[in-house]
Amino acid sequence: MIAYVEKNKPYLDPDLDLRQLSELSGIPSHMISMLLNIHLNRNFYTFINTYRVDEAKKLLSSEGSREMNILTIAYDSGFNSKSTFNMVFRKLEGMTPSEYRNKISSNLQYSHN
């Protein structure tokens, strides 16, 4: 299941739910739930949002990300609202997406000096 998610990136669909992931991956939904709960100690949305935040971090630290606004990055990462994006990002990373981008850009400037 993890290989499927990492290869096909279904988390970029903001409407993805457990049923859809089951249909896309061919893995019964009860098996996905069991795998997530028992082996990863996560629920479906925490699992999916972790991938979405990782995608957002790639976008925030990419060349030219300064030209992208935070809402665009949220949507491109699979979130369907800025408030959810900010809340989940802060919960997982301990800072807002804007703070993360500022930290990354200041680290890049420092490393080039």
Foldseek 3Di string as FASTA:
>chain_A
DVVCCVVVVPLLALPDDLVVVCVVVVNDSVVVQCCCCPVVVDGPVLVSVVQLLVQLLCLLLDPPSVVPDQQNSSNRSRHDDQVVQQVSNCVVPVHGSVVSSVVNVVVVVVVVD
